[in-house]
Amino acid sequence: MRLDHISYACTPAELGDAVQRIGSDLGATFVDGGRHPSFGTRNFLLPLAHGCYIEVVAALDHPAAEKAPFGRAVAQRAERGGGWMSWAVAVDDIAPIEQRLGREARAGHRIRPDGADLRWKQIGVLDVLEDPQLPFFVEWETGATDHPSTGGGTVALERVEMCGEADAISAWLGADHDVPLDGITVTWVDEDEPGLVAAWFATAHGEVRID
């Protein structure tokens, strides 16, 4: 289990500005990730060092965005002003998570602008809607060379500020220790709403905080 990505939600009208602002702050360039047909969303991605990435995502004016939990989560966060929405952990086999939660994972795919069809399974987005501190789980079915983190540069995620309860997140992950983020420090903060509050990155021009 490792951190797969962190998601920043905004409206479709704000998507270009959010991508430009975050990319400029980090001194890096996002790539067009394409659309999620079954979720009614589209995203831009920034591969990071150490196998994870940032997703900036918006819910489109499409029926799927109203039906799919992920589309609803994106729209809900955007309606509250946008910002960090969720974090996801990658697992090699999602079956034990399905068994523990008592439901099946949802298949996902998106077609990159170069035509590549990326596929994965995910579970837990409904729970994120109810409790934003919780991550959701992803099992990638596409090859490692097509994972969105491929080609990650020198920008690295160092630490995150989280509002929530370490014990609740550890129980959700099925872990018997603190939040396992592979060397990424978690700082617990008090905010009005639970969830991912800010992320700190090591860049070529120093440490940068994105909230």
N, C-alpha and C. Protein backbone atom coordinates (compact mmCIF):
# COMPACT_ATOMS: atom_id res chain seq x y z
N MET A 1 0.85 -1.18 0.00
CA MET A 1 0.00 0.00 0.00
C MET A 1 0.89 1.24 0.00
N ARG A 2 0.64 2.16 -0.92
CA ARG A 2 1.43 3.38 -1.01
C ARG A 2 0.55 4.52 -1.50
N LEU A 3 1.00 5.73 -1.30
CA LEU A 3 0.26 6.87 -1.82
C LEU A 3 0.29 6.84 -3.34
N ASP A 4 -0.89 6.91 -3.96
CA ASP A 4 -0.96 6.91 -5.43
C ASP A 4 -1.04 8.34 -5.97
N HIS A 5 -1.99 9.12 -5.44
CA HIS A 5 -2.11 10.50 -5.90
C HIS A 5 -2.95 11.32 -4.93
N ILE A 6 -2.87 12.63 -5.10
CA ILE A 6 -3.73 13.56 -4.38
C ILE A 6 -4.50 14.37 -5.41
N SER A 7 -5.75 14.66 -5.12
CA SER A 7 -6.65 15.30 -6.10
C SER A 7 -7.06 16.69 -5.65
N TYR A 8 -6.99 17.61 -6.58
CA TYR A 8 -7.39 19.00 -6.36
C TYR A 8 -8.58 19.27 -7.27
N ALA A 9 -9.72 19.64 -6.69
CA ALA A 9 -10.96 19.81 -7.46
C ALA A 9 -11.25 21.29 -7.72
N CYS A 10 -11.84 21.55 -8.86
CA CYS A 10 -12.27 22.90 -9.22
C CYS A 10 -13.39 22.79 -10.24
N THR A 11 -13.96 23.92 -10.63
CA THR A 11 -14.99 23.92 -11.66
C THR A 11 -14.32 23.84 -13.03
N PRO A 12 -15.06 23.44 -14.07
CA PRO A 12 -14.48 23.42 -15.41
C PRO A 12 -13.92 24.78 -15.84
N ALA A 13 -14.59 25.87 -15.44
CA ALA A 13 -14.12 27.20 -15.82
C ALA A 13 -12.80 27.55 -15.14
N GLU A 14 -12.53 26.95 -13.99
CA GLU A 14 -11.33 27.24 -13.23
C GLU A 14 -10.18 26.29 -13.53
N LEU A 15 -10.45 25.26 -14.33
CA LEU A 15 -9.47 24.19 -14.53
C LEU A 15 -8.14 24.72 -15.08
N GLY A 16 -8.20 25.52 -16.14
CA GLY A 16 -6.98 26.04 -16.73
C GLY A 16 -6.19 26.91 -15.77
N ASP A 17 -6.87 27.77 -15.03
CA ASP A 17 -6.19 28.65 -14.08
C ASP A 17 -5.55 27.85 -12.94
N ALA A 18 -6.26 26.84 -12.44
CA ALA A 18 -5.72 26.03 -11.34
C ALA A 18 -4.47 25.28 -11.78
N VAL A 19 -4.51 24.72 -12.98
CA VAL A 19 -3.35 23.99 -13.51
C VAL A 19 -2.16 24.93 -13.69
N GLN A 20 -2.42 26.11 -14.23
CA GLN A 20 -1.33 27.07 -14.46
C GLN A 20 -0.75 27.56 -13.14
N ARG A 21 -1.61 27.85 -12.16
CA ARG A 21 -1.15 28.38 -10.88
C ARG A 21 -0.30 27.37 -10.13
N ILE A 22 -0.81 26.14 -10.00
CA ILE A 22 -0.08 25.13 -9.26
C ILE A 22 1.22 24.76 -9.99
N GLY A 23 1.14 24.63 -11.31
CA GLY A 23 2.34 24.33 -12.07
C GLY A 23 3.39 25.41 -11.94
N SER A 24 2.96 26.67 -11.97
CA SER A 24 3.90 27.78 -11.82
C SER A 24 4.53 27.79 -10.44
N ASP A 25 3.72 27.55 -9.40
CA ASP A 25 4.25 27.53 -8.04
C ASP A 25 5.30 26.44 -7.86
N LEU A 26 5.10 25.32 -8.54
CA LEU A 26 6.00 24.18 -8.37
C LEU A 26 7.13 24.17 -9.40
N GLY A 27 7.04 25.05 -10.40
CA GLY A 27 8.05 25.07 -11.45
C GLY A 27 8.00 23.82 -12.32
N ALA A 28 6.79 23.34 -12.59
CA ALA A 28 6.62 22.11 -13.36
C ALA A 28 5.40 22.25 -14.27
N THR A 29 5.29 21.35 -15.24
CA THR A 29 4.24 21.44 -16.23
C THR A 29 3.30 20.24 -16.15
N PHE A 30 2.01 20.50 -16.04
CA PHE A 30 1.01 19.45 -16.06
C PHE A 30 0.82 18.92 -17.49
N VAL A 31 0.32 17.70 -17.58
CA VAL A 31 -0.04 17.12 -18.86
C VAL A 31 -1.54 16.87 -18.87
N ASP A 32 -2.14 16.93 -20.05
CA ASP A 32 -3.57 16.69 -20.20
C ASP A 32 -3.84 15.21 -19.98
N GLY A 33 -4.63 14.91 -18.94
CA GLY A 33 -4.93 13.51 -18.64
C GLY A 33 -6.12 12.97 -19.41
N GLY A 34 -6.93 13.84 -20.00
CA GLY A 34 -8.09 13.38 -20.73
C GLY A 34 -9.34 13.31 -19.87
N ARG A 35 -10.32 12.60 -20.37
CA ARG A 35 -11.63 12.52 -19.71
C ARG A 35 -11.85 11.14 -19.09
N HIS A 36 -12.67 11.14 -18.02
CA HIS A 36 -13.13 9.89 -17.41
C HIS A 36 -14.58 9.68 -17.87
N PRO A 37 -14.82 8.92 -18.93
CA PRO A 37 -16.18 8.81 -19.49
C PRO A 37 -17.22 8.33 -18.48
N SER A 38 -16.83 7.38 -17.62
CA SER A 38 -17.82 6.82 -16.70
C SER A 38 -18.03 7.67 -15.46
N PHE A 39 -17.15 8.67 -15.23
CA PHE A 39 -17.26 9.53 -14.06
C PHE A 39 -17.73 10.94 -14.40
N GLY A 40 -17.70 11.31 -15.69
CA GLY A 40 -18.11 12.65 -16.08
C GLY A 40 -17.12 13.73 -15.65
N THR A 41 -15.83 13.40 -15.65
CA THR A 41 -14.81 14.35 -15.22
C THR A 41 -13.67 14.39 -16.24
N ARG A 42 -12.83 15.42 -16.13
CA ARG A 42 -11.58 15.45 -16.89
C ARG A 42 -10.49 15.99 -15.99
N ASN A 43 -9.25 15.64 -16.30
CA ASN A 43 -8.18 16.04 -15.41
C ASN A 43 -6.90 16.42 -16.14
N PHE A 44 -6.03 17.08 -15.40
CA PHE A 44 -4.65 17.33 -15.78
C PHE A 44 -3.77 16.76 -14.68
N LEU A 45 -2.62 16.22 -15.07
CA LEU A 45 -1.78 15.47 -14.14
C LEU A 45 -0.36 16.03 -14.08
N LEU A 46 0.22 15.95 -12.90
CA LEU A 46 1.62 16.31 -12.72
C LEU A 46 2.34 15.13 -12.06
N PRO A 47 3.14 14.37 -12.84
CA PRO A 47 3.92 13.29 -12.24
C PRO A 47 4.94 13.84 -11.25
N LEU A 48 5.06 13.18 -10.12
CA LEU A 48 6.01 13.58 -9.08
C LEU A 48 7.07 12.50 -8.91
N ALA A 49 8.11 12.83 -8.19
CA ALA A 49 9.11 11.83 -7.85
C ALA A 49 8.49 10.78 -6.93
N HIS A 50 9.09 9.60 -6.90
CA HIS A 50 8.73 8.52 -5.98
C HIS A 50 7.37 7.90 -6.27
N GLY A 51 6.91 7.97 -7.52
CA GLY A 51 5.77 7.16 -7.93
C GLY A 51 4.39 7.66 -7.60
N CYS A 52 4.22 8.94 -7.29
CA CYS A 52 2.88 9.46 -7.09
C CYS A 52 2.67 10.69 -7.98
N TYR A 53 1.49 11.25 -7.96
CA TYR A 53 1.20 12.37 -8.86
C TYR A 53 0.09 13.25 -8.28
N ILE A 54 -0.02 14.45 -8.85
CA ILE A 54 -1.12 15.37 -8.53
C ILE A 54 -2.13 15.30 -9.66
N GLU A 55 -3.39 15.29 -9.29
CA GLU A 55 -4.48 15.38 -10.26
C GLU A 55 -5.27 16.66 -9.98
N VAL A 56 -5.44 17.49 -11.00
CA VAL A 56 -6.37 18.62 -10.92
C VAL A 56 -7.57 18.22 -11.77
N VAL A 57 -8.75 18.18 -11.17
CA VAL A 57 -9.90 17.55 -11.82
C VAL A 57 -11.14 18.43 -11.70
N ALA A 58 -11.98 18.36 -12.72
CA ALA A 58 -13.25 19.09 -12.73
C ALA A 58 -14.36 18.17 -13.21
N ALA A 59 -15.56 18.36 -12.67
CA ALA A 59 -16.74 17.62 -13.12
C ALA A 59 -17.36 18.35 -14.30
N LEU A 60 -17.62 17.61 -15.37
CA LEU A 60 -18.18 18.20 -16.58
C LEU A 60 -19.70 18.26 -16.49
N ASP A 61 -20.29 19.02 -17.39
CA ASP A 61 -21.74 19.09 -17.48
C ASP A 61 -22.21 17.86 -18.25
N HIS A 62 -22.28 16.75 -17.52
CA HIS A 62 -22.56 15.46 -18.14
C HIS A 62 -23.34 14.61 -17.13
N PRO A 63 -24.32 13.82 -17.61
CA PRO A 63 -25.11 13.01 -16.67
C PRO A 63 -24.28 12.10 -15.79
N ALA A 64 -23.14 11.59 -16.30
CA ALA A 64 -22.31 10.69 -15.51
C ALA A 64 -21.78 11.37 -14.27
N ALA A 65 -21.53 12.68 -14.34
CA ALA A 65 -20.99 13.41 -13.18
C ALA A 65 -22.00 13.48 -12.04
N GLU A 66 -23.29 13.37 -12.36
CA GLU A 66 -24.32 13.41 -11.34
C GLU A 66 -24.58 12.03 -10.73
N LYS A 67 -24.21 10.97 -11.47
CA LYS A 67 -24.50 9.61 -11.02
C LYS A 67 -23.29 8.97 -10.33
N ALA A 68 -22.11 9.17 -10.88
CA ALA A 68 -20.92 8.49 -10.37
C ALA A 68 -20.45 9.14 -9.07
N PRO A 69 -20.11 8.35 -8.05
CA PRO A 69 -19.63 8.93 -6.79
C PRO A 69 -18.44 9.88 -6.98
N PHE A 70 -17.50 9.51 -7.86
CA PHE A 70 -16.33 10.36 -8.05
C PHE A 70 -16.74 11.71 -8.65
N GLY A 71 -17.60 11.68 -9.65
CA GLY A 71 -18.08 12.93 -10.24
C GLY A 71 -18.80 13.79 -9.22
N ARG A 72 -19.60 13.18 -8.36
CA ARG A 72 -20.32 13.92 -7.34
C ARG A 72 -19.35 14.51 -6.32
N ALA A 73 -18.31 13.74 -5.97
CA ALA A 73 -17.33 14.24 -5.00
C ALA A 73 -16.59 15.46 -5.56
N VAL A 74 -16.22 15.40 -6.83
CA VAL A 74 -15.53 16.53 -7.46
C VAL A 74 -16.43 17.75 -7.49
N ALA A 75 -17.68 17.58 -7.93
CA ALA A 75 -18.60 18.70 -8.01
C ALA A 75 -18.88 19.29 -6.64
N GLN A 76 -19.02 18.43 -5.64
CA GLN A 76 -19.30 18.88 -4.28
C GLN A 76 -18.16 19.74 -3.75
N ARG A 77 -16.92 19.29 -3.97
CA ARG A 77 -15.77 20.06 -3.49
C ARG A 77 -15.65 21.38 -4.24
N ALA A 78 -15.90 21.36 -5.54
CA ALA A 78 -15.83 22.59 -6.33
C ALA A 78 -16.88 23.60 -5.88
N GLU A 79 -18.06 23.11 -5.53
CA GLU A 79 -19.13 24.00 -5.07
C GLU A 79 -18.78 24.66 -3.75
N ARG A 80 -17.91 24.04 -2.95
CA ARG A 80 -17.48 24.62 -1.68
C ARG A 80 -16.25 25.50 -1.83
N GLY A 81 -15.92 25.85 -3.06
CA GLY A 81 -14.81 26.76 -3.30
C GLY A 81 -13.59 26.11 -3.91
N GLY A 82 -13.62 24.78 -4.05
CA GLY A 82 -12.50 24.07 -4.66
C GLY A 82 -11.33 23.89 -3.71
N GLY A 83 -10.34 23.13 -4.15
CA GLY A 83 -9.16 22.86 -3.34
C GLY A 83 -8.90 21.37 -3.26
N TRP A 84 -8.04 20.98 -2.32
CA TRP A 84 -7.73 19.56 -2.17
C TRP A 84 -8.98 18.78 -1.81
N MET A 85 -9.23 17.71 -2.55
CA MET A 85 -10.47 16.95 -2.39
C MET A 85 -10.24 15.61 -1.70
N SER A 86 -9.19 14.90 -2.12
CA SER A 86 -9.02 13.53 -1.63
C SER A 86 -7.59 13.06 -1.86
N TRP A 87 -7.30 11.90 -1.28
CA TRP A 87 -6.05 11.22 -1.55
C TRP A 87 -6.35 9.76 -1.77
N ALA A 88 -5.52 9.11 -2.55
CA ALA A 88 -5.77 7.71 -2.92
C ALA A 88 -4.52 6.89 -2.65
N VAL A 89 -4.75 5.66 -2.20
CA VAL A 89 -3.64 4.73 -1.99
C VAL A 89 -3.75 3.59 -3.00
N ALA A 90 -2.61 3.16 -3.51
CA ALA A 90 -2.57 2.08 -4.47
C ALA A 90 -2.35 0.75 -3.77
N VAL A 91 -3.08 -0.26 -4.21
CA VAL A 91 -2.92 -1.62 -3.68
C VAL A 91 -2.68 -2.56 -4.85
N ASP A 92 -1.94 -3.64 -4.59
CA ASP A 92 -1.68 -4.62 -5.64
C ASP A 92 -2.90 -5.48 -5.93
N ASP A 93 -3.72 -5.69 -4.91
CA ASP A 93 -4.92 -6.53 -5.06
C ASP A 93 -6.04 -5.89 -4.26
N ILE A 94 -7.08 -5.46 -4.95
CA ILE A 94 -8.17 -4.75 -4.28
C ILE A 94 -9.19 -5.71 -3.67
N ALA A 95 -9.08 -7.02 -3.97
CA ALA A 95 -10.07 -7.99 -3.48
C ALA A 95 -10.19 -8.00 -1.96
N PRO A 96 -9.10 -7.96 -1.19
CA PRO A 96 -9.25 -7.93 0.27
C PRO A 96 -9.99 -6.68 0.76
N ILE A 97 -9.82 -5.57 0.06
CA ILE A 97 -10.54 -4.34 0.43
C ILE A 97 -12.03 -4.51 0.14
N GLU A 98 -12.35 -5.11 -1.00
CA GLU A 98 -13.75 -5.39 -1.33
C GLU A 98 -14.38 -6.27 -0.25
N GLN A 99 -13.65 -7.29 0.16
CA GLN A 99 -14.18 -8.21 1.17
C GLN A 99 -14.39 -7.49 2.51
N ARG A 100 -13.44 -6.64 2.87
CA ARG A 100 -13.54 -5.95 4.15
C ARG A 100 -14.68 -4.94 4.15
N LEU A 101 -14.89 -4.25 3.00
CA LEU A 101 -15.94 -3.23 2.93
C LEU A 101 -17.30 -3.82 2.53
N GLY A 102 -17.28 -5.06 2.03
CA GLY A 102 -18.54 -5.71 1.69
C GLY A 102 -19.19 -5.22 0.42
N ARG A 103 -18.39 -4.77 -0.53
CA ARG A 103 -18.92 -4.33 -1.82
C ARG A 103 -17.83 -4.42 -2.87
N GLU A 104 -18.24 -4.33 -4.14
CA GLU A 104 -17.30 -4.47 -5.23
C GLU A 104 -16.69 -3.13 -5.62
N ALA A 105 -15.47 -3.20 -6.13
CA ALA A 105 -14.81 -2.01 -6.65
C ALA A 105 -15.47 -1.58 -7.96
N ARG A 106 -15.32 -0.32 -8.28
CA ARG A 106 -15.86 0.23 -9.51
C ARG A 106 -14.75 0.31 -10.55
N ALA A 107 -15.05 -0.15 -11.76
CA ALA A 107 -14.07 -0.06 -12.85
C ALA A 107 -13.98 1.37 -13.34
N GLY A 108 -12.78 1.81 -13.63
CA GLY A 108 -12.58 3.14 -14.17
C GLY A 108 -11.64 3.10 -15.36
N HIS A 109 -11.80 4.05 -16.25
CA HIS A 109 -10.85 4.18 -17.35
C HIS A 109 -10.91 5.59 -17.90
N ARG A 110 -9.84 5.98 -18.52
CA ARG A 110 -9.81 7.25 -19.24
C ARG A 110 -8.91 7.09 -20.44
N ILE A 111 -9.21 7.84 -21.47
CA ILE A 111 -8.42 7.79 -22.69
C ILE A 111 -7.54 9.03 -22.75
N ARG A 112 -6.23 8.82 -22.76
CA ARG A 112 -5.31 9.94 -22.84
C ARG A 112 -5.40 10.58 -24.22
N PRO A 113 -4.97 11.83 -24.33
CA PRO A 113 -4.96 12.47 -25.65
C PRO A 113 -4.17 11.71 -26.71
N ASP A 114 -3.19 10.88 -26.28
CA ASP A 114 -2.41 10.11 -27.27
C ASP A 114 -3.11 8.81 -27.64
N GLY A 115 -4.32 8.59 -27.11
CA GLY A 115 -5.10 7.41 -27.46
C GLY A 115 -4.97 6.24 -26.51
N ALA A 116 -4.03 6.28 -25.58
CA ALA A 116 -3.86 5.18 -24.63
C ALA A 116 -5.07 5.10 -23.71
N ASP A 117 -5.55 3.89 -23.49
CA ASP A 117 -6.71 3.65 -22.63
C ASP A 117 -6.21 3.10 -21.29
N LEU A 118 -6.29 3.92 -20.26
CA LEU A 118 -5.82 3.52 -18.93
C LEU A 118 -6.99 2.97 -18.12
N ARG A 119 -6.74 1.85 -17.45
CA ARG A 119 -7.82 1.18 -16.72
C ARG A 119 -7.38 0.85 -15.29
N TRP A 120 -8.35 0.91 -14.38
CA TRP A 120 -8.09 0.63 -12.98
C TRP A 120 -9.39 0.23 -12.29
N LYS A 121 -9.28 -0.20 -11.04
CA LYS A 121 -10.44 -0.42 -10.18
C LYS A 121 -10.28 0.48 -8.96
N GLN A 122 -11.38 1.00 -8.47
CA GLN A 122 -11.33 1.84 -7.28
C GLN A 122 -12.51 1.55 -6.37
N ILE A 123 -12.28 1.81 -5.09
CA ILE A 123 -13.33 1.60 -4.11
C ILE A 123 -13.12 2.58 -2.96
N GLY A 124 -14.23 3.06 -2.40
CA GLY A 124 -14.15 3.94 -1.25
C GLY A 124 -14.54 5.37 -1.51
N VAL A 125 -14.86 5.73 -2.76
CA VAL A 125 -15.20 7.12 -3.06
C VAL A 125 -16.49 7.54 -2.36
N LEU A 126 -17.45 6.63 -2.24
CA LEU A 126 -18.68 6.94 -1.51
C LEU A 126 -18.37 7.34 -0.07
N ASP A 127 -17.39 6.68 0.51
CA ASP A 127 -17.02 6.99 1.89
C ASP A 127 -16.32 8.34 1.99
N VAL A 128 -15.57 8.70 0.95
CA VAL A 128 -14.93 10.02 0.90
C VAL A 128 -15.99 11.11 0.88
N LEU A 129 -17.10 10.87 0.19
CA LEU A 129 -18.20 11.84 0.16
C LEU A 129 -18.71 12.11 1.57
N GLU A 130 -18.76 11.06 2.39
CA GLU A 130 -19.28 11.21 3.74
C GLU A 130 -18.22 11.68 4.74
N ASP A 131 -16.97 11.30 4.50
CA ASP A 131 -15.89 11.62 5.43
C ASP A 131 -14.62 11.91 4.64
N PRO A 132 -14.38 13.17 4.26
CA PRO A 132 -13.27 13.52 3.36
C PRO A 132 -11.87 13.23 3.88
N GLN A 133 -11.73 12.90 5.16
CA GLN A 133 -10.40 12.56 5.65
C GLN A 133 -9.94 11.19 5.13
N LEU A 134 -10.89 10.34 4.73
CA LEU A 134 -10.55 8.99 4.32
C LEU A 134 -10.04 8.96 2.89
N PRO A 135 -9.06 8.11 2.60
CA PRO A 135 -8.63 7.93 1.22
C PRO A 135 -9.52 6.91 0.52
N PHE A 136 -9.41 6.83 -0.80
CA PHE A 136 -10.00 5.69 -1.49
C PHE A 136 -8.87 4.83 -2.04
N PHE A 137 -9.21 3.63 -2.50
CA PHE A 137 -8.23 2.63 -2.90
C PHE A 137 -8.25 2.44 -4.41
N VAL A 138 -7.07 2.24 -4.98
CA VAL A 138 -6.93 2.05 -6.42
C VAL A 138 -6.07 0.83 -6.70
N GLU A 139 -6.54 -0.02 -7.62
CA GLU A 139 -5.70 -1.08 -8.18
C GLU A 139 -5.56 -0.79 -9.67
N TRP A 140 -4.35 -0.53 -10.11
CA TRP A 140 -4.11 -0.23 -11.52
C TRP A 140 -4.04 -1.52 -12.34
N GLU A 141 -4.77 -1.53 -13.45
CA GLU A 141 -4.74 -2.67 -14.35
C GLU A 141 -3.85 -2.40 -15.56
N THR A 142 -3.51 -1.14 -15.76
CA THR A 142 -2.63 -0.77 -16.86
C THR A 142 -1.19 -1.04 -16.45
N GLY A 143 -0.30 -1.12 -17.41
CA GLY A 143 1.10 -1.40 -17.12
C GLY A 143 1.79 -0.27 -16.39
N ALA A 144 2.87 -0.60 -15.71
CA ALA A 144 3.59 0.39 -14.91
C ALA A 144 4.10 1.55 -15.76
N THR A 145 4.44 1.28 -17.02
CA THR A 145 4.97 2.35 -17.87
C THR A 145 3.91 3.37 -18.25
N ASP A 146 2.63 3.02 -18.06
CA ASP A 146 1.55 3.95 -18.37
C ASP A 146 0.94 4.59 -17.12
N HIS A 147 1.48 4.27 -15.94
CA HIS A 147 0.97 4.89 -14.72
C HIS A 147 1.20 6.40 -14.80
N PRO A 148 0.26 7.21 -14.30
CA PRO A 148 0.38 8.66 -14.42
C PRO A 148 1.63 9.26 -13.78
N SER A 149 2.30 8.52 -12.90
CA SER A 149 3.52 9.06 -12.30
C SER A 149 4.75 8.86 -13.18
N THR A 150 4.61 8.09 -14.26
CA THR A 150 5.75 7.81 -15.13
C THR A 150 6.35 9.10 -15.67
N GLY A 151 7.64 9.21 -15.57
CA GLY A 151 8.30 10.43 -16.04
C GLY A 151 8.36 11.51 -14.99
N GLY A 152 8.05 11.15 -13.73
CA GLY A 152 8.08 12.14 -12.66
C GLY A 152 9.42 12.82 -12.56
N GLY A 153 9.40 14.11 -12.38
CA GLY A 153 10.63 14.89 -12.36
C GLY A 153 11.19 15.06 -10.97
N THR A 154 11.73 16.25 -10.72
CA THR A 154 12.42 16.50 -9.46
C THR A 154 11.48 17.00 -8.36
N VAL A 155 10.27 17.38 -8.72
CA VAL A 155 9.31 17.82 -7.69
C VAL A 155 8.86 16.62 -6.88
N ALA A 156 8.94 16.73 -5.57
CA ALA A 156 8.56 15.62 -4.70
C ALA A 156 7.61 16.09 -3.61
N LEU A 157 6.61 15.29 -3.32
CA LEU A 157 5.70 15.55 -2.21
C LEU A 157 6.40 15.13 -0.93
N GLU A 158 6.58 16.08 0.01
CA GLU A 158 7.31 15.81 1.23
C GLU A 158 6.40 15.57 2.43
N ARG A 159 5.36 16.38 2.55
CA ARG A 159 4.48 16.24 3.71
C ARG A 159 3.11 16.80 3.39
N VAL A 160 2.12 16.37 4.15
CA VAL A 160 0.76 16.86 3.98
C VAL A 160 0.21 17.30 5.32
N GLU A 161 -0.66 18.29 5.28
CA GLU A 161 -1.41 18.73 6.46
C GLU A 161 -2.79 18.10 6.37
N MET A 162 -3.16 17.37 7.40
CA MET A 162 -4.42 16.63 7.39
C MET A 162 -5.25 17.02 8.61
N CYS A 163 -6.53 17.25 8.37
CA CYS A 163 -7.47 17.45 9.47
C CYS A 163 -8.27 16.16 9.62
N GLY A 164 -8.14 15.52 10.76
CA GLY A 164 -8.85 14.26 10.96
C GLY A 164 -8.30 13.51 12.15
N GLU A 165 -8.55 12.22 12.16
CA GLU A 165 -8.13 11.36 13.27
C GLU A 165 -7.27 10.22 12.73
N ALA A 166 -6.02 10.18 13.21
CA ALA A 166 -5.09 9.15 12.75
C ALA A 166 -5.64 7.74 12.97
N ASP A 167 -6.28 7.50 14.12
CA ASP A 167 -6.79 6.16 14.42
C ASP A 167 -7.89 5.75 13.45
N ALA A 168 -8.76 6.72 13.11
CA ALA A 168 -9.86 6.41 12.20
C ALA A 168 -9.32 6.08 10.81
N ILE A 169 -8.32 6.83 10.36
CA ILE A 169 -7.74 6.58 9.03
C ILE A 169 -7.00 5.25 9.02
N SER A 170 -6.25 4.96 10.08
CA SER A 170 -5.52 3.70 10.16
C SER A 170 -6.49 2.51 10.14
N ALA A 171 -7.60 2.64 10.86
CA ALA A 171 -8.60 1.57 10.87
C ALA A 171 -9.21 1.38 9.48
N TRP A 172 -9.46 2.49 8.79
CA TRP A 172 -10.02 2.43 7.44
C TRP A 172 -9.05 1.75 6.48
N LEU A 173 -7.76 2.04 6.65
CA LEU A 173 -6.74 1.43 5.80
C LEU A 173 -6.48 -0.02 6.16
N GLY A 174 -6.95 -0.44 7.32
CA GLY A 174 -6.65 -1.78 7.78
C GLY A 174 -5.22 -1.90 8.25
N ALA A 175 -4.67 -0.79 8.73
CA ALA A 175 -3.28 -0.76 9.18
C ALA A 175 -3.22 -0.73 10.69
N ASP A 176 -2.17 -1.29 11.24
CA ASP A 176 -2.01 -1.28 12.69
C ASP A 176 -0.95 -0.27 13.12
N HIS A 177 -0.74 0.72 12.26
CA HIS A 177 0.23 1.77 12.56
C HIS A 177 -0.30 3.07 11.99
N ASP A 178 0.46 4.13 12.12
CA ASP A 178 0.02 5.43 11.64
C ASP A 178 -0.11 5.42 10.12
N VAL A 179 -0.68 6.48 9.57
CA VAL A 179 -0.98 6.56 8.15
C VAL A 179 0.26 6.21 7.32
N PRO A 180 0.22 5.12 6.52
CA PRO A 180 1.40 4.68 5.77
C PRO A 180 1.57 5.42 4.45
N LEU A 181 2.37 6.45 4.43
CA LEU A 181 2.56 7.22 3.20
C LEU A 181 4.00 7.17 2.70
N ASP A 182 4.71 6.10 3.02
CA ASP A 182 6.04 5.86 2.46
C ASP A 182 6.97 7.05 2.58
N GLY A 183 7.19 7.50 3.81
CA GLY A 183 8.16 8.56 4.03
C GLY A 183 7.60 9.96 3.95
N ILE A 184 6.34 10.11 3.55
CA ILE A 184 5.70 11.43 3.50
C ILE A 184 5.14 11.74 4.89
N THR A 185 5.56 12.83 5.45
CA THR A 185 5.15 13.20 6.80
C THR A 185 3.71 13.70 6.81
N VAL A 186 2.95 13.29 7.82
CA VAL A 186 1.59 13.78 8.01
C VAL A 186 1.56 14.68 9.24
N THR A 187 1.14 15.92 9.04
CA THR A 187 0.98 16.87 10.14
C THR A 187 -0.52 17.05 10.39
N TRP A 188 -0.95 16.81 11.62
CA TRP A 188 -2.37 16.91 11.95
C TRP A 188 -2.69 18.34 12.39
N VAL A 189 -3.70 18.92 11.76
CA VAL A 189 -4.07 20.32 12.02
C VAL A 189 -5.55 20.39 12.34
N ASP A 190 -5.94 21.47 12.99
CA ASP A 190 -7.35 21.71 13.30
C ASP A 190 -7.94 22.68 12.29
N GLU A 191 -8.96 22.23 11.59
CA GLU A 191 -9.66 23.05 10.61
C GLU A 191 -11.15 22.83 10.76
N ASP A 192 -11.94 23.64 10.06
CA ASP A 192 -13.40 23.50 10.15
C ASP A 192 -13.89 22.22 9.50
N GLU A 193 -13.20 21.76 8.43
CA GLU A 193 -13.62 20.57 7.72
C GLU A 193 -12.51 19.54 7.69
N PRO A 194 -12.84 18.25 7.83
CA PRO A 194 -11.81 17.21 7.77
C PRO A 194 -11.32 17.02 6.35
N GLY A 195 -10.12 16.44 6.23
CA GLY A 195 -9.57 16.14 4.92
C GLY A 195 -8.18 16.69 4.72
N LEU A 196 -7.72 16.59 3.50
CA LEU A 196 -6.41 17.09 3.12
C LEU A 196 -6.46 18.61 3.04
N VAL A 197 -5.64 19.27 3.83
CA VAL A 197 -5.67 20.74 3.94
C VAL A 197 -4.63 21.38 3.04
N ALA A 198 -3.42 20.87 3.06
CA ALA A 198 -2.33 21.45 2.27
C ALA A 198 -1.28 20.39 2.00
N ALA A 199 -0.47 20.63 0.97
CA ALA A 199 0.62 19.73 0.63
C ALA A 199 1.89 20.54 0.46
N TRP A 200 3.00 19.99 0.96
CA TRP A 200 4.30 20.63 0.88
C TRP A 200 5.17 19.85 -0.10
N PHE A 201 5.83 20.59 -0.99
CA PHE A 201 6.63 19.97 -2.04
C PHE A 201 8.06 20.50 -2.01
N ALA A 202 8.99 19.61 -2.32
CA ALA A 202 10.39 20.01 -2.54
C ALA A 202 10.54 20.29 -4.03
N THR A 203 10.97 21.51 -4.37
CA THR A 203 11.11 21.92 -5.76
C THR A 203 12.52 22.45 -6.01
N ALA A 204 12.80 22.76 -7.25
CA ALA A 204 14.13 23.29 -7.61
C ALA A 204 14.40 24.63 -6.95
N HIS A 205 13.33 25.35 -6.58
CA HIS A 205 13.51 26.67 -5.95
C HIS A 205 13.06 26.67 -4.49
N GLY A 206 13.11 25.50 -3.86
CA GLY A 206 12.81 25.43 -2.44
C GLY A 206 11.50 24.75 -2.13
N GLU A 207 11.13 24.78 -0.84
CA GLU A 207 9.90 24.14 -0.39
C GLU A 207 8.71 25.04 -0.68
N VAL A 208 7.63 24.42 -1.21
CA VAL A 208 6.43 25.16 -1.60
C VAL A 208 5.22 24.50 -0.95
N ARG A 209 4.35 25.33 -0.38
CA ARG A 209 3.10 24.85 0.21
C ARG A 209 1.94 25.20 -0.72
N ILE A 210 1.11 24.23 -1.05
CA ILE A 210 -0.10 24.45 -1.87
C ILE A 210 -1.29 24.13 -1.00
N ASP A 211 -2.20 25.10 -0.83
CA ASP A 211 -3.42 24.83 -0.05
C ASP A 211 -4.64 24.99 -0.93
